[in-house]
Amino acid sequence: MNINEIFETLQDNIEQDELKGELTLCNNCIVWSYDLNSEEVEVDNEYDEDEDFLFSFESVSSEEKLMEIYHTDIEIIERIIDHYDENGWGFSEPKTLKTSISFMIQ
């Protein structure tokens, strides 16, 4: 399969909300990227006043969150490529900035 066919296969076989990151076809590679600033925050204000609430906060750094999202999404992408293609496409190492991460499929 060529890069265009791989891109179409990924789009056809990944549910809309399955990946956190975004796939973009760019020349002869596919770029996956994710930015923490694009994340939608949901606030749930409904609670039962009779329940005891325990508030605990886990401090997770931006880099840890980016790497967690990267590992989740790359597993999905690799599974689909392995299933539909035998050419052994290469994945670049992830590159992180303050709030974003990306890698290429070549």
Protein backbone atom coordinates (compact mmCIF):
# COMPACT_ATOMS: atom_id res chain seq x y z
CA MET A 1 0.00 0.00 0.00
CA ASN A 2 1.15 3.53 -0.64
CA ILE A 3 0.89 6.37 1.88
CA ASN A 4 -2.43 7.62 0.45
CA GLU A 5 -3.99 4.17 0.80
CA ILE A 6 -2.69 3.84 4.37
CA PHE A 7 -4.17 7.25 5.22
CA GLU A 8 -7.56 6.27 3.75
CA THR A 9 -7.45 2.93 5.58
CA LEU A 10 -6.79 4.68 8.87
CA GLN A 11 -9.64 7.13 8.27
CA ASP A 12 -12.02 4.31 7.32
CA ASN A 13 -11.15 2.09 10.28
CA ILE A 14 -10.81 4.51 13.18
CA GLU A 15 -13.97 5.70 14.86
CA GLN A 16 -14.32 9.49 15.04
CA ASP A 17 -13.76 9.69 18.81
CA GLU A 18 -11.34 6.78 19.07
CA LEU A 19 -8.15 8.83 18.61
CA LYS A 20 -7.31 11.82 20.76
CA GLY A 21 -4.85 13.12 18.18
CA GLU A 22 -5.32 14.17 14.58
CA LEU A 23 -3.97 12.47 11.45
CA THR A 24 -2.87 14.64 8.52
CA LEU A 25 -1.52 13.55 5.15
CA CYS A 26 1.57 15.63 4.40
CA ASN A 27 3.56 14.89 1.23
CA ASN A 28 4.93 11.34 1.60
CA CYS A 29 4.06 10.82 5.24
CA ILE A 30 1.20 10.89 7.72
CA VAL A 31 1.57 13.21 10.68
CA TRP A 32 -0.20 12.46 13.96
CA SER A 33 -0.41 15.38 16.35
CA TYR A 34 -2.11 16.32 19.58
CA ASP A 35 -2.24 19.60 21.50
CA LEU A 36 -3.35 19.77 25.14
CA ASN A 37 -4.79 23.24 24.49
CA SER A 38 -7.34 21.75 22.09
CA GLU A 39 -8.78 19.50 24.80
CA GLU A 40 -12.37 20.23 25.76
CA VAL A 41 -12.99 20.39 29.48
CA GLU A 42 -16.28 19.09 30.86
CA VAL A 43 -17.49 20.23 34.23
CA ASP A 44 -20.09 18.14 36.03
CA ASN A 45 -21.91 20.24 38.60
CA GLU A 46 -24.45 17.60 39.56
CA TYR A 47 -23.87 15.80 42.86
CA ASP A 48 -25.83 14.21 45.66
CA GLU A 49 -25.60 16.32 48.80
CA ASP A 50 -26.01 13.25 51.04
CA GLU A 51 -22.87 11.57 49.75
CA ASP A 52 -19.48 12.03 51.35
CA PHE A 53 -17.04 13.40 48.86
CA LEU A 54 -13.36 12.74 48.92
CA PHE A 55 -11.37 15.16 46.84
CA SER A 56 -8.03 13.92 45.71
CA PHE A 57 -5.92 15.42 43.01
CA GLU A 58 -3.23 13.67 41.07
CA SER A 59 -0.71 16.03 39.66
CA VAL A 60 0.18 14.85 36.16
CA SER A 61 2.67 16.84 34.16
CA SER A 62 1.89 17.94 30.62
CA GLU A 63 4.63 15.69 29.29
CA GLU A 64 3.21 12.64 31.09
CA LYS A 65 -0.27 13.35 29.75
CA LEU A 66 1.08 13.84 26.21
CA MET A 67 3.00 10.55 26.38
CA GLU A 68 -0.06 8.70 27.70
CA ILE A 69 -2.17 9.98 24.80
CA TYR A 70 0.64 9.16 22.35
CA HIS A 71 0.90 5.55 23.58
CA THR A 72 -2.86 5.04 23.43
CA ASP A 73 -3.21 6.42 19.91
CA ILE A 74 -0.11 4.75 18.45
CA GLU A 75 -1.37 1.34 19.61
CA ILE A 76 -4.60 1.89 17.67
CA ILE A 77 -2.76 3.11 14.57
CA GLU A 78 -0.20 0.27 14.63
CA ARG A 79 -2.95 -2.34 15.06
CA ILE A 80 -4.81 -1.08 11.98
CA ILE A 81 -1.69 -0.75 9.82
CA ASP A 82 -0.50 -4.23 10.84
CA HIS A 83 -3.91 -5.68 9.98
CA TYR A 84 -4.23 -4.08 6.53
CA ASP A 85 -0.65 -3.71 5.31
CA GLU A 86 2.45 -5.88 5.22
CA ASN A 87 5.02 -3.26 4.17
CA GLY A 88 6.22 -2.39 7.66
CA TRP A 89 5.74 1.35 7.74
CA GLY A 90 8.10 3.25 10.02
CA PHE A 91 7.11 5.46 12.92
CA SER A 92 9.29 8.37 13.97
CA GLU A 93 10.06 9.07 17.60
CA PRO A 94 7.52 11.42 19.15
CA LYS A 95 8.48 15.08 19.33
CA THR A 96 7.07 17.07 22.20
CA LEU A 97 6.80 20.78 22.80
CA LYS A 98 5.28 22.39 25.88
CA THR A 99 1.69 21.37 25.15
CA SER A 100 1.87 19.30 21.97
CA ILE A 101 3.23 16.04 20.63
CA SER A 102 3.57 14.60 17.14
CA PHE A 103 5.11 11.77 15.14
CA MET A 104 5.30 10.71 11.51
CA ILE A 105 4.39 7.52 9.69
CA GLN A 106 6.67 6.99 6.69
